[in-house]
Amino acid sequence: MIPDRIVVFAKEPVPGRVKTRMTPPLSPEEAAGLYAAMLADVLEVTARFAEGHGLEAVLAVDPPGACGDLARLAPSTFSVSAQRGPDLSARMAWAIGEAAAAGCDRVLVRGSDSPALEPSALDAALAALGECDLCVCPDLDGGYSLIGLRRPAAGLFEHPMSTGRVLDDTLENAHRVGLRTRVLSPRFDLDTAEDLVHLAGARSEDRTGGCRRTLAYLDEHALWPTD
């Protein structure tokens, strides 16, 4: 039996290439260090979730030349592959299509910007795919931090990916091709320095989803917003 799959999209944590919307107030080096901590947390939680549910865990890397370095950072249960396609839309479509071609009945795709995404959200997404074709976990800026599909859908991601309408556009495309959809409870990504306020609030309520490295990095470098 072919296991279902969870794919983590990640970038090489190089200053000036990651978390650029956090600079300033963070320096490029601080932003890259924070992203590396976020990615480590995401991989740890995802590996544990995959093992508990019998899923195949895949790390999809950009740029392709960073596969070796990130493979050494990822838990050993991950397989590592390069993202394929000219833009994020094409890369997500390829990852989902490749999983379907391998025989997976369900595939979850998550980014590396949501280290506070609780395992319960992953549970909810996997369960939702027992009753629908597509599920999404919205974030607060109009996008989503997690998407799940039972099958590829032509044109699903054929829309701009860096706008406040990413979620709406994806759902509109899904409805157009007849997919049954479910929107899960919203969470938050860490895209800007202002988003750290949401993480601080989640920490005060013990809702950080196990992102211990992210919290420790912010504490150590005193990067929390002060107003």
N, C-alpha and C. Protein backbone atom coordinates (compact mmCIF):
# COMPACT_ATOMS: atom_id res chain seq x y z
N MET A 1 0.85 -1.20 0.00
CA MET A 1 0.00 0.00 0.00
C MET A 1 0.89 1.25 0.00
N ILE A 2 0.59 2.20 -0.89
CA ILE A 2 1.36 3.43 -0.98
C ILE A 2 0.95 4.37 0.16
N PRO A 3 1.90 4.87 0.95
CA PRO A 3 1.52 5.79 2.04
C PRO A 3 1.13 7.15 1.49
N ASP A 4 0.27 7.84 2.24
CA ASP A 4 -0.01 9.22 1.93
C ASP A 4 1.24 10.05 2.23
N ARG A 5 1.22 11.32 1.84
CA ARG A 5 2.45 12.11 1.84
C ARG A 5 2.21 13.49 2.43
N ILE A 6 3.22 13.99 3.14
CA ILE A 6 3.23 15.39 3.55
C ILE A 6 4.52 16.01 3.04
N VAL A 7 4.39 17.16 2.39
CA VAL A 7 5.50 17.84 1.74
C VAL A 7 5.73 19.18 2.43
N VAL A 8 6.96 19.45 2.80
CA VAL A 8 7.35 20.74 3.36
C VAL A 8 8.13 21.51 2.30
N PHE A 9 7.63 22.70 1.94
CA PHE A 9 8.35 23.58 1.02
C PHE A 9 9.32 24.44 1.83
N ALA A 10 10.58 24.48 1.40
CA ALA A 10 11.59 25.22 2.16
C ALA A 10 12.60 25.87 1.24
N LYS A 11 13.19 26.94 1.74
CA LYS A 11 14.27 27.63 1.06
C LYS A 11 15.57 27.45 1.84
N GLU A 12 16.67 27.62 1.15
CA GLU A 12 17.95 27.63 1.82
C GLU A 12 18.04 28.90 2.67
N PRO A 13 18.39 28.79 3.96
CA PRO A 13 18.40 29.96 4.86
C PRO A 13 19.61 30.85 4.66
N VAL A 14 19.61 31.59 3.57
CA VAL A 14 20.72 32.46 3.20
C VAL A 14 20.32 33.91 3.44
N PRO A 15 21.15 34.71 4.12
CA PRO A 15 20.82 36.12 4.31
C PRO A 15 20.53 36.82 2.98
N GLY A 16 19.45 37.58 2.98
CA GLY A 16 19.04 38.30 1.78
C GLY A 16 18.10 37.53 0.89
N ARG A 17 17.88 36.22 1.17
CA ARG A 17 16.99 35.41 0.35
C ARG A 17 15.76 34.92 1.11
N VAL A 18 15.79 34.99 2.43
CA VAL A 18 14.66 34.52 3.23
C VAL A 18 14.24 35.60 4.22
N LYS A 19 12.94 35.63 4.51
CA LYS A 19 12.36 36.56 5.48
C LYS A 19 12.75 38.01 5.17
N THR A 20 12.78 38.35 3.89
CA THR A 20 13.19 39.70 3.50
C THR A 20 12.18 40.75 3.94
N ARG A 21 10.93 40.36 4.15
CA ARG A 21 9.93 41.32 4.62
C ARG A 21 10.12 41.66 6.10
N MET A 22 11.02 40.96 6.76
CA MET A 22 11.34 41.29 8.16
C MET A 22 12.55 42.22 8.26
N THR A 23 13.15 42.56 7.12
CA THR A 23 14.35 43.40 7.14
C THR A 23 14.08 44.73 6.46
N PRO A 24 14.25 45.84 7.18
CA PRO A 24 14.39 45.91 8.63
C PRO A 24 13.04 45.63 9.32
N PRO A 25 12.99 45.53 10.63
CA PRO A 25 14.00 45.86 11.64
C PRO A 25 15.09 44.80 11.83
N LEU A 26 14.85 43.54 11.39
CA LEU A 26 15.89 42.55 11.53
C LEU A 26 16.96 42.78 10.47
N SER A 27 18.18 42.39 10.79
CA SER A 27 19.23 42.38 9.77
C SER A 27 19.04 41.15 8.90
N PRO A 28 19.60 41.13 7.69
CA PRO A 28 19.50 39.92 6.86
C PRO A 28 20.03 38.67 7.56
N GLU A 29 21.08 38.83 8.35
CA GLU A 29 21.64 37.68 9.05
C GLU A 29 20.69 37.20 10.15
N GLU A 30 20.08 38.12 10.87
CA GLU A 30 19.10 37.73 11.90
C GLU A 30 17.89 37.06 11.27
N ALA A 31 17.43 37.60 10.15
CA ALA A 31 16.27 37.02 9.47
C ALA A 31 16.57 35.60 9.00
N ALA A 32 17.77 35.39 8.47
CA ALA A 32 18.14 34.05 8.02
C ALA A 32 18.26 33.09 9.19
N GLY A 33 18.82 33.55 10.30
CA GLY A 33 18.92 32.71 11.48
C GLY A 33 17.56 32.34 12.02
N LEU A 34 16.64 33.32 12.02
CA LEU A 34 15.29 33.04 12.47
C LEU A 34 14.62 32.03 11.56
N TYR A 35 14.79 32.19 10.25
CA TYR A 35 14.18 31.24 9.32
C TYR A 35 14.74 29.84 9.52
N ALA A 36 16.03 29.72 9.75
CA ALA A 36 16.62 28.41 9.99
C ALA A 36 16.00 27.75 11.23
N ALA A 37 15.76 28.54 12.27
CA ALA A 37 15.12 28.01 13.48
C ALA A 37 13.68 27.60 13.19
N MET A 38 12.96 28.44 12.43
CA MET A 38 11.59 28.10 12.07
C MET A 38 11.54 26.80 11.28
N LEU A 39 12.42 26.67 10.30
CA LEU A 39 12.43 25.46 9.48
C LEU A 39 12.73 24.22 10.31
N ALA A 40 13.68 24.33 11.22
CA ALA A 40 14.00 23.18 12.08
C ALA A 40 12.78 22.76 12.90
N ASP A 41 12.04 23.72 13.42
CA ASP A 41 10.83 23.39 14.18
C ASP A 41 9.78 22.73 13.29
N VAL A 42 9.56 23.29 12.11
CA VAL A 42 8.57 22.73 11.18
C VAL A 42 8.93 21.29 10.82
N LEU A 43 10.20 21.04 10.55
CA LEU A 43 10.62 19.70 10.17
C LEU A 43 10.46 18.71 11.33
N GLU A 44 10.78 19.14 12.52
CA GLU A 44 10.65 18.25 13.67
C GLU A 44 9.19 17.86 13.90
N VAL A 45 8.30 18.85 13.91
CA VAL A 45 6.88 18.57 14.15
C VAL A 45 6.31 17.72 13.01
N THR A 46 6.69 18.05 11.78
CA THR A 46 6.17 17.32 10.64
C THR A 46 6.65 15.88 10.63
N ALA A 47 7.91 15.65 10.97
CA ALA A 47 8.44 14.29 11.03
C ALA A 47 7.69 13.45 12.05
N ARG A 48 7.43 14.05 13.20
CA ARG A 48 6.71 13.33 14.25
C ARG A 48 5.28 13.02 13.81
N PHE A 49 4.65 13.99 13.16
CA PHE A 49 3.29 13.78 12.66
C PHE A 49 3.27 12.68 11.59
N ALA A 50 4.21 12.75 10.66
CA ALA A 50 4.25 11.76 9.59
C ALA A 50 4.45 10.35 10.15
N GLU A 51 5.35 10.22 11.10
CA GLU A 51 5.60 8.91 11.69
C GLU A 51 4.35 8.39 12.40
N GLY A 52 3.66 9.27 13.11
CA GLY A 52 2.48 8.84 13.84
C GLY A 52 1.32 8.44 12.96
N HIS A 53 1.29 8.94 11.73
CA HIS A 53 0.18 8.65 10.82
C HIS A 53 0.58 7.79 9.63
N GLY A 54 1.81 7.31 9.63
CA GLY A 54 2.25 6.45 8.54
C GLY A 54 2.38 7.17 7.21
N LEU A 55 2.74 8.45 7.25
CA LEU A 55 2.89 9.23 6.02
C LEU A 55 4.35 9.26 5.57
N GLU A 56 4.53 9.44 4.28
CA GLU A 56 5.86 9.72 3.75
C GLU A 56 6.11 11.21 3.91
N ALA A 57 7.27 11.58 4.43
CA ALA A 57 7.63 12.98 4.62
C ALA A 57 8.65 13.38 3.57
N VAL A 58 8.34 14.48 2.86
CA VAL A 58 9.21 14.95 1.78
C VAL A 58 9.55 16.41 2.03
N LEU A 59 10.82 16.76 1.88
CA LEU A 59 11.27 18.14 1.95
C LEU A 59 11.57 18.61 0.54
N ALA A 60 10.82 19.62 0.08
CA ALA A 60 10.98 20.17 -1.27
C ALA A 60 11.78 21.46 -1.16
N VAL A 61 12.95 21.50 -1.80
CA VAL A 61 13.96 22.52 -1.53
C VAL A 61 14.13 23.48 -2.71
N ASP A 62 14.33 24.75 -2.39
CA ASP A 62 14.69 25.77 -3.35
C ASP A 62 15.88 26.56 -2.76
N PRO A 63 16.97 26.73 -3.51
CA PRO A 63 17.23 26.27 -4.87
C PRO A 63 17.66 24.80 -4.88
N PRO A 64 17.64 24.17 -6.05
CA PRO A 64 18.00 22.74 -6.13
C PRO A 64 19.38 22.43 -5.56
N GLY A 65 20.32 23.35 -5.71
CA GLY A 65 21.66 23.10 -5.22
C GLY A 65 21.78 23.00 -3.72
N ALA A 66 20.71 23.37 -3.00
CA ALA A 66 20.74 23.32 -1.53
C ALA A 66 20.22 22.00 -0.98
N CYS A 67 19.84 21.07 -1.85
CA CYS A 67 19.27 19.81 -1.36
C CYS A 67 20.20 19.09 -0.40
N GLY A 68 21.47 19.03 -0.72
CA GLY A 68 22.41 18.31 0.14
C GLY A 68 22.52 18.93 1.52
N ASP A 69 22.64 20.27 1.57
CA ASP A 69 22.78 20.94 2.86
C ASP A 69 21.53 20.78 3.71
N LEU A 70 20.35 20.94 3.10
CA LEU A 70 19.12 20.82 3.89
C LEU A 70 18.84 19.37 4.26
N ALA A 71 19.27 18.43 3.45
CA ALA A 71 19.10 17.03 3.80
C ALA A 71 19.85 16.70 5.09
N ARG A 72 21.00 17.34 5.27
CA ARG A 72 21.78 17.09 6.49
C ARG A 72 21.12 17.71 7.72
N LEU A 73 20.26 18.71 7.51
CA LEU A 73 19.57 19.36 8.63
C LEU A 73 18.24 18.68 8.97
N ALA A 74 17.66 17.99 8.00
CA ALA A 74 16.33 17.41 8.18
C ALA A 74 16.41 16.10 8.96
N PRO A 75 15.34 15.76 9.69
CA PRO A 75 15.28 14.42 10.30
C PRO A 75 15.48 13.34 9.25
N SER A 76 16.04 12.22 9.66
CA SER A 76 16.41 11.17 8.71
C SER A 76 15.20 10.55 8.03
N THR A 77 14.02 10.74 8.57
CA THR A 77 12.82 10.16 7.97
C THR A 77 12.37 10.91 6.71
N PHE A 78 12.93 12.09 6.46
CA PHE A 78 12.56 12.86 5.28
C PHE A 78 13.33 12.38 4.05
N SER A 79 12.63 12.31 2.92
CA SER A 79 13.32 12.29 1.64
C SER A 79 13.38 13.74 1.15
N VAL A 80 14.39 14.05 0.36
CA VAL A 80 14.63 15.43 -0.05
C VAL A 80 14.66 15.49 -1.57
N SER A 81 13.94 16.48 -2.12
CA SER A 81 13.93 16.67 -3.57
C SER A 81 13.91 18.16 -3.87
N ALA A 82 14.28 18.51 -5.07
CA ALA A 82 14.25 19.91 -5.49
C ALA A 82 12.84 20.30 -5.90
N GLN A 83 12.47 21.53 -5.59
CA GLN A 83 11.23 22.07 -6.14
C GLN A 83 11.40 22.21 -7.66
N ARG A 84 10.32 21.96 -8.40
CA ARG A 84 10.42 21.97 -9.86
C ARG A 84 9.34 22.87 -10.45
N GLY A 85 9.78 23.81 -11.24
CA GLY A 85 8.86 24.73 -11.89
C GLY A 85 9.38 26.14 -11.81
N PRO A 86 8.89 27.02 -12.69
CA PRO A 86 9.41 28.39 -12.76
C PRO A 86 8.92 29.31 -11.65
N ASP A 87 7.84 28.95 -10.97
CA ASP A 87 7.29 29.79 -9.90
C ASP A 87 6.60 28.90 -8.89
N LEU A 88 6.12 29.52 -7.81
CA LEU A 88 5.53 28.74 -6.72
C LEU A 88 4.29 27.99 -7.18
N SER A 89 3.47 28.59 -8.03
CA SER A 89 2.27 27.91 -8.52
C SER A 89 2.63 26.60 -9.20
N ALA A 90 3.60 26.67 -10.10
CA ALA A 90 4.01 25.47 -10.83
C ALA A 90 4.66 24.44 -9.90
N ARG A 91 5.40 24.92 -8.91
CA ARG A 91 6.10 24.01 -8.01
C ARG A 91 5.12 23.26 -7.12
N MET A 92 4.10 23.94 -6.65
CA MET A 92 3.08 23.27 -5.85
C MET A 92 2.31 22.26 -6.68
N ALA A 93 1.93 22.65 -7.89
CA ALA A 93 1.21 21.74 -8.77
C ALA A 93 2.06 20.50 -9.06
N TRP A 94 3.36 20.71 -9.29
CA TRP A 94 4.23 19.58 -9.57
C TRP A 94 4.31 18.65 -8.36
N ALA A 95 4.47 19.19 -7.16
CA ALA A 95 4.59 18.36 -5.97
C ALA A 95 3.35 17.51 -5.76
N ILE A 96 2.19 18.10 -5.97
CA ILE A 96 0.94 17.36 -5.79
C ILE A 96 0.77 16.33 -6.90
N GLY A 97 1.09 16.72 -8.13
CA GLY A 97 0.99 15.77 -9.23
C GLY A 97 1.94 14.61 -9.08
N GLU A 98 3.15 14.87 -8.59
CA GLU A 98 4.14 13.82 -8.40
C GLU A 98 3.68 12.84 -7.33
N ALA A 99 3.06 13.36 -6.25
CA ALA A 99 2.54 12.48 -5.21
C ALA A 99 1.42 11.60 -5.75
N ALA A 100 0.53 12.18 -6.54
CA ALA A 100 -0.56 11.40 -7.12
C ALA A 100 -0.02 10.34 -8.07
N ALA A 101 0.98 10.70 -8.86
CA ALA A 101 1.57 9.74 -9.78
C ALA A 101 2.23 8.57 -9.05
N ALA A 102 2.72 8.83 -7.83
CA ALA A 102 3.33 7.78 -7.03
C ALA A 102 2.29 6.88 -6.37
N GLY A 103 1.01 7.26 -6.45
CA GLY A 103 -0.05 6.45 -5.89
C GLY A 103 -0.62 6.93 -4.57
N CYS A 104 -0.22 8.13 -4.13
CA CYS A 104 -0.74 8.66 -2.86
C CYS A 104 -2.21 9.04 -3.02
N ASP A 105 -3.02 8.66 -2.05
CA ASP A 105 -4.43 9.05 -2.05
C ASP A 105 -4.64 10.45 -1.47
N ARG A 106 -3.77 10.84 -0.54
CA ARG A 106 -3.88 12.15 0.09
C ARG A 106 -2.49 12.76 0.19
N VAL A 107 -2.41 14.07 -0.07
CA VAL A 107 -1.14 14.76 0.07
C VAL A 107 -1.38 16.09 0.77
N LEU A 108 -0.57 16.37 1.77
CA LEU A 108 -0.58 17.65 2.46
C LEU A 108 0.68 18.41 2.06
N VAL A 109 0.53 19.71 1.83
CA VAL A 109 1.67 20.56 1.52
C VAL A 109 1.65 21.73 2.51
N ARG A 110 2.77 21.94 3.18
CA ARG A 110 2.87 23.05 4.11
C ARG A 110 4.14 23.84 3.83
N GLY A 111 4.10 25.10 4.21
CA GLY A 111 5.28 25.93 4.08
C GLY A 111 6.13 25.85 5.33
N SER A 112 7.20 26.62 5.33
CA SER A 112 8.10 26.65 6.49
C SER A 112 7.98 27.96 7.26
N ASP A 113 6.92 28.72 6.97
CA ASP A 113 6.71 30.01 7.64
C ASP A 113 5.74 29.93 8.81
N SER A 114 5.30 28.72 9.16
CA SER A 114 4.27 28.57 10.19
C SER A 114 4.74 27.62 11.28
N PRO A 115 5.80 27.96 12.01
CA PRO A 115 6.31 27.04 13.03
C PRO A 115 5.36 26.82 14.20
N ALA A 116 4.39 27.72 14.37
CA ALA A 116 3.44 27.57 15.47
C ALA A 116 2.20 26.78 15.07
N LEU A 117 2.18 26.24 13.85
CA LEU A 117 1.04 25.44 13.41
C LEU A 117 0.99 24.16 14.23
N GLU A 118 -0.07 23.98 15.00
CA GLU A 118 -0.15 22.86 15.92
C GLU A 118 -0.37 21.54 15.17
N PRO A 119 0.12 20.43 15.74
CA PRO A 119 -0.17 19.13 15.14
C PRO A 119 -1.67 18.88 14.96
N SER A 120 -2.49 19.50 15.81
CA SER A 120 -3.95 19.31 15.67
C SER A 120 -4.45 19.84 14.34
N ALA A 121 -3.79 20.88 13.80
CA ALA A 121 -4.19 21.39 12.49
C ALA A 121 -3.85 20.39 11.40
N LEU A 122 -2.72 19.72 11.52
CA LEU A 122 -2.37 18.68 10.57
C LEU A 122 -3.34 17.51 10.67
N ASP A 123 -3.71 17.14 11.89
CA ASP A 123 -4.72 16.09 12.09
C ASP A 123 -6.03 16.46 11.41
N ALA A 124 -6.46 17.71 11.60
CA ALA A 124 -7.73 18.15 11.03
C ALA A 124 -7.70 18.10 9.51
N ALA A 125 -6.56 18.50 8.94
CA ALA A 125 -6.45 18.49 7.48
C ALA A 125 -6.50 17.07 6.93
N LEU A 126 -5.79 16.17 7.55
CA LEU A 126 -5.78 14.79 7.08
C LEU A 126 -7.17 14.17 7.20
N ALA A 127 -7.85 14.44 8.31
CA ALA A 127 -9.20 13.92 8.50
C ALA A 127 -10.17 14.51 7.48
N ALA A 128 -10.02 15.80 7.18
CA ALA A 128 -10.93 16.46 6.25
C ALA A 128 -10.88 15.82 4.87
N LEU A 129 -9.70 15.32 4.49
CA LEU A 129 -9.58 14.72 3.17
C LEU A 129 -10.29 13.37 3.07
N GLY A 130 -10.84 12.90 4.17
CA GLY A 130 -11.72 11.74 4.10
C GLY A 130 -13.10 12.10 3.61
N GLU A 131 -13.41 13.41 3.58
CA GLU A 131 -14.76 13.85 3.21
C GLU A 131 -14.77 14.89 2.11
N CYS A 132 -13.61 15.43 1.74
CA CYS A 132 -13.57 16.47 0.71
C CYS A 132 -12.35 16.24 -0.19
N ASP A 133 -12.28 17.01 -1.26
CA ASP A 133 -11.18 16.88 -2.21
C ASP A 133 -10.02 17.81 -1.88
N LEU A 134 -10.33 18.94 -1.25
CA LEU A 134 -9.32 19.95 -0.95
C LEU A 134 -9.63 20.58 0.40
N CYS A 135 -8.61 20.76 1.22
CA CYS A 135 -8.77 21.51 2.47
C CYS A 135 -7.64 22.50 2.58
N VAL A 136 -7.91 23.62 3.23
CA VAL A 136 -6.89 24.66 3.42
C VAL A 136 -6.97 25.18 4.84
N CYS A 137 -5.80 25.53 5.37
CA CYS A 137 -5.70 26.18 6.67
C CYS A 137 -5.29 27.62 6.42
N PRO A 138 -6.21 28.58 6.51
CA PRO A 138 -5.90 29.98 6.18
C PRO A 138 -4.91 30.58 7.17
N ASP A 139 -4.15 31.56 6.69
CA ASP A 139 -3.41 32.41 7.60
C ASP A 139 -4.06 33.79 7.61
N LEU A 140 -3.45 34.75 8.27
CA LEU A 140 -4.12 36.02 8.53
C LEU A 140 -3.94 37.05 7.40
N ASP A 141 -3.13 36.74 6.40
CA ASP A 141 -2.89 37.72 5.35
C ASP A 141 -3.55 37.37 4.02
N GLY A 142 -4.50 36.44 4.07
CA GLY A 142 -5.24 36.08 2.86
C GLY A 142 -4.68 34.88 2.13
N GLY A 143 -3.65 34.26 2.67
CA GLY A 143 -3.10 33.05 2.08
C GLY A 143 -3.43 31.84 2.93
N TYR A 144 -2.57 30.84 2.87
CA TYR A 144 -2.78 29.65 3.70
C TYR A 144 -1.44 29.02 4.00
N SER A 145 -1.35 28.38 5.16
CA SER A 145 -0.11 27.76 5.60
C SER A 145 -0.09 26.27 5.33
N LEU A 146 -1.24 25.70 4.96
CA LEU A 146 -1.35 24.26 4.75
C LEU A 146 -2.47 24.02 3.75
N ILE A 147 -2.22 23.13 2.79
CA ILE A 147 -3.25 22.73 1.84
C ILE A 147 -3.19 21.23 1.68
N GLY A 148 -4.34 20.61 1.54
CA GLY A 148 -4.40 19.17 1.33
C GLY A 148 -5.28 18.86 0.13
N LEU A 149 -4.89 17.84 -0.62
CA LEU A 149 -5.63 17.45 -1.82
C LEU A 149 -5.69 15.93 -1.93
N ARG A 150 -6.77 15.46 -2.53
CA ARG A 150 -6.89 14.04 -2.85
C ARG A 150 -6.44 13.75 -4.27
N ARG A 151 -6.44 14.75 -5.12
CA ARG A 151 -6.03 14.53 -6.50
C ARG A 151 -5.60 15.87 -7.10
N PRO A 152 -4.75 15.83 -8.11
CA PRO A 152 -4.38 17.07 -8.78
C PRO A 152 -5.59 17.69 -9.47
N ALA A 153 -5.55 18.99 -9.64
CA ALA A 153 -6.64 19.71 -10.33
C ALA A 153 -6.01 20.74 -11.25
N ALA A 154 -6.21 20.56 -12.55
CA ALA A 154 -5.61 21.46 -13.53
C ALA A 154 -6.06 22.89 -13.28
N GLY A 155 -5.11 23.82 -13.23
CA GLY A 155 -5.42 25.23 -13.07
C GLY A 155 -5.66 25.69 -11.65
N LEU A 156 -5.55 24.79 -10.68
CA LEU A 156 -5.87 25.16 -9.30
C LEU A 156 -5.01 26.32 -8.81
N PHE A 157 -3.74 26.32 -9.15
CA PHE A 157 -2.81 27.33 -8.65
C PHE A 157 -2.47 28.39 -9.70
N GLU A 158 -3.27 28.47 -10.73
CA GLU A 158 -3.00 29.45 -11.79
C GLU A 158 -3.59 30.80 -11.41
N HIS A 159 -2.92 31.45 -10.47
CA HIS A 159 -3.28 32.78 -10.01
C HIS A 159 -2.07 33.38 -9.33
N PRO A 160 -2.03 34.69 -9.13
CA PRO A 160 -0.89 35.29 -8.42
C PRO A 160 -0.77 34.73 -7.01
N MET A 161 0.46 34.49 -6.56
CA MET A 161 0.68 33.85 -5.27
C MET A 161 1.15 34.80 -4.18
N SER A 162 1.36 36.04 -4.46
CA SER A 162 1.86 36.98 -3.44
C SER A 162 0.87 38.12 -3.25
N THR A 163 -0.39 37.78 -3.08
CA THR A 163 -1.43 38.78 -2.88
C THR A 163 -2.27 38.40 -1.68
N GLY A 164 -3.17 39.29 -1.30
CA GLY A 164 -4.11 39.00 -0.22
C GLY A 164 -5.30 38.17 -0.67
N ARG A 165 -5.28 37.70 -1.93
CA ARG A 165 -6.40 36.91 -2.46
C ARG A 165 -6.00 35.46 -2.76
N VAL A 166 -4.88 35.03 -2.26
CA VAL A 166 -4.42 33.68 -2.60
C VAL A 166 -5.45 32.62 -2.19
N LEU A 167 -5.95 32.72 -0.96
CA LEU A 167 -6.95 31.76 -0.51
C LEU A 167 -8.20 31.83 -1.36
N ASP A 168 -8.73 33.04 -1.56
CA ASP A 168 -9.96 33.19 -2.35
C ASP A 168 -9.78 32.69 -3.77
N ASP A 169 -8.64 33.03 -4.38
CA ASP A 169 -8.41 32.59 -5.76
C ASP A 169 -8.30 31.08 -5.85
N THR A 170 -7.63 30.46 -4.89
CA THR A 170 -7.50 29.00 -4.89
C THR A 170 -8.87 28.34 -4.75
N LEU A 171 -9.68 28.85 -3.84
CA LEU A 171 -11.01 28.27 -3.65
C LEU A 171 -11.90 28.48 -4.87
N GLU A 172 -11.80 29.65 -5.49
CA GLU A 172 -12.58 29.89 -6.71
C GLU A 172 -12.19 28.92 -7.81
N ASN A 173 -10.90 28.70 -7.98
CA ASN A 173 -10.45 27.74 -8.98
C ASN A 173 -10.91 26.32 -8.63
N ALA A 174 -10.87 25.99 -7.35
CA ALA A 174 -11.32 24.66 -6.92
C ALA A 174 -12.79 24.45 -7.22
N HIS A 175 -13.60 25.45 -6.91
CA HIS A 175 -15.03 25.32 -7.18
C HIS A 175 -15.30 25.22 -8.67
N ARG A 176 -14.50 25.93 -9.47
CA ARG A 176 -14.71 25.92 -10.91
C ARG A 176 -14.49 24.53 -11.51
N VAL A 177 -13.55 23.77 -10.92
CA VAL A 177 -13.30 22.43 -11.45
C VAL A 177 -14.02 21.34 -10.64
N GLY A 178 -14.92 21.76 -9.76
CA GLY A 178 -15.80 20.81 -9.09
C GLY A 178 -15.23 20.11 -7.88
N LEU A 179 -14.22 20.70 -7.24
CA LEU A 179 -13.67 20.09 -6.03
C LEU A 179 -14.54 20.41 -4.82
N ARG A 180 -14.74 19.43 -3.99
CA ARG A 180 -15.38 19.66 -2.69
C ARG A 180 -14.32 20.22 -1.74
N THR A 181 -14.60 21.35 -1.11
CA THR A 181 -13.58 22.05 -0.32
C THR A 181 -13.99 22.19 1.14
N ARG A 182 -12.98 22.34 1.97
CA ARG A 182 -13.22 22.65 3.39
C ARG A 182 -12.15 23.63 3.85
N VAL A 183 -12.58 24.69 4.53
CA VAL A 183 -11.67 25.67 5.10
C VAL A 183 -11.54 25.40 6.60
N LEU A 184 -10.34 25.16 7.05
CA LEU A 184 -10.08 24.84 8.45
C LEU A 184 -9.93 26.11 9.27
N SER A 185 -9.77 25.94 10.56
CA SER A 185 -9.60 27.10 11.44
C SER A 185 -8.33 27.85 11.08
N PRO A 186 -8.37 29.18 11.07
CA PRO A 186 -7.19 29.96 10.65
C PRO A 186 -6.06 29.90 11.67
N ARG A 187 -4.84 30.01 11.16
CA ARG A 187 -3.64 30.12 11.98
C ARG A 187 -2.86 31.35 11.49
N PHE A 188 -1.56 31.43 11.75
CA PHE A 188 -0.79 32.58 11.28
C PHE A 188 0.59 32.14 10.83
N ASP A 189 1.10 32.85 9.84
CA ASP A 189 2.48 32.69 9.39
C ASP A 189 3.34 33.79 10.01
N LEU A 190 4.65 33.61 9.94
CA LEU A 190 5.59 34.65 10.33
C LEU A 190 6.24 35.20 9.07
N ASP A 191 5.63 36.24 8.52
CA ASP A 191 6.12 36.84 7.28
C ASP A 191 6.77 38.20 7.52
N THR A 192 6.26 38.96 8.48
CA THR A 192 6.78 40.28 8.79
C THR A 192 7.11 40.36 10.28
N ALA A 193 7.85 41.39 10.65
CA ALA A 193 8.17 41.57 12.07
C ALA A 193 6.90 41.75 12.90
N GLU A 194 5.88 42.36 12.30
CA GLU A 194 4.62 42.56 13.02
C GLU A 194 3.96 41.23 13.37
N ASP A 195 4.21 40.19 12.57
CA ASP A 195 3.61 38.89 12.85
C ASP A 195 4.14 38.26 14.13
N LEU A 196 5.27 38.75 14.61
CA LEU A 196 5.81 38.22 15.87
C LEU A 196 4.88 38.54 17.04
N VAL A 197 4.04 39.55 16.88
CA VAL A 197 3.05 39.85 17.92
C VAL A 197 2.09 38.67 18.08
N HIS A 198 1.69 38.05 16.96
CA HIS A 198 0.80 36.89 17.03
C HIS A 198 1.49 35.72 17.73
N LEU A 199 2.78 35.55 17.46
CA LEU A 199 3.51 34.47 18.11
C LEU A 199 3.64 34.72 19.61
N ALA A 200 3.87 35.97 19.99
CA ALA A 200 3.95 36.29 21.41
C ALA A 200 2.62 36.00 22.10
N GLY A 201 1.51 36.34 21.42
CA GLY A 201 0.21 36.04 21.99
C GLY A 201 -0.03 34.55 22.12
N ALA A 202 0.36 33.79 21.09
CA ALA A 202 0.21 32.34 21.15
C ALA A 202 1.05 31.74 22.27
N ARG A 203 2.24 32.30 22.46
CA ARG A 203 3.10 31.81 23.54
C ARG A 203 2.47 32.03 24.90
N SER A 204 1.85 33.18 25.08
CA SER A 204 1.22 33.47 26.37
C SER A 204 0.05 32.54 26.65
N GLU A 205 -0.52 31.98 25.60
CA GLU A 205 -1.66 31.06 25.74
C GLU A 205 -1.26 29.61 25.54
N ASP A 206 0.05 29.35 25.46
CA ASP A 206 0.58 28.00 25.28
C ASP A 206 0.03 27.36 24.01
N ARG A 207 0.06 28.14 22.91
CA ARG A 207 -0.44 27.64 21.62
C ARG A 207 0.65 27.77 20.54
N THR A 208 1.86 27.42 20.87
CA THR A 208 2.95 27.64 19.93
C THR A 208 3.29 26.42 19.09
N GLY A 209 2.59 25.31 19.27
CA GLY A 209 2.77 24.16 18.39
C GLY A 209 4.14 23.51 18.45
N GLY A 210 4.92 23.78 19.47
CA GLY A 210 6.22 23.12 19.61
C GLY A 210 7.35 23.83 18.93
N CYS A 211 7.25 25.15 18.71
CA CYS A 211 8.31 25.86 17.98
C CYS A 211 9.37 26.38 18.94
N ARG A 212 10.01 25.48 19.64
CA ARG A 212 10.94 25.85 20.71
C ARG A 212 12.18 26.56 20.16
N ARG A 213 12.67 26.15 19.01
CA ARG A 213 13.86 26.79 18.45
C ARG A 213 13.56 28.22 18.02
N THR A 214 12.40 28.41 17.43
CA THR A 214 12.00 29.76 17.00
C THR A 214 11.93 30.69 18.20
N LEU A 215 11.27 30.25 19.24
CA LEU A 215 11.14 31.07 20.44
C LEU A 215 12.51 31.34 21.06
N ALA A 216 13.35 30.32 21.12
CA ALA A 216 14.66 30.49 21.72
C ALA A 216 15.50 31.48 20.92
N TYR A 217 15.42 31.43 19.60
CA TYR A 217 16.20 32.35 18.76
C TYR A 217 15.74 33.79 19.00
N LEU A 218 14.44 34.00 19.03
CA LEU A 218 13.91 35.34 19.26
C LEU A 218 14.31 35.86 20.64
N ASP A 219 14.29 34.97 21.64
CA ASP A 219 14.71 35.37 22.98
C ASP A 219 16.19 35.72 23.01
N GLU A 220 17.01 34.84 22.46
CA GLU A 220 18.46 35.01 22.52
C GLU A 220 18.92 36.29 21.84
N HIS A 221 18.26 36.63 20.72
CA HIS A 221 18.69 37.80 19.95
C HIS A 221 17.83 39.03 20.21
N ALA A 222 16.92 38.92 21.18
CA ALA A 222 16.07 40.06 21.57
C ALA A 222 15.38 40.68 20.37
N LEU A 223 14.66 39.86 19.62
CA LEU A 223 14.03 40.31 18.38
C LEU A 223 12.53 40.52 18.50
N TRP A 224 11.99 40.38 19.69
CA TRP A 224 10.56 40.59 19.86
C TRP A 224 10.20 42.07 19.68
N PRO A 225 9.05 42.38 19.11
CA PRO A 225 8.61 43.79 19.00
C PRO A 225 8.51 44.41 20.39
N THR A 226 8.85 45.68 20.47
CA THR A 226 8.85 46.34 21.77
C THR A 226 7.72 47.34 21.93
N ASP A 227 6.89 47.53 20.88
CA ASP A 227 5.76 48.47 21.04
C ASP A 227 4.52 47.90 20.40
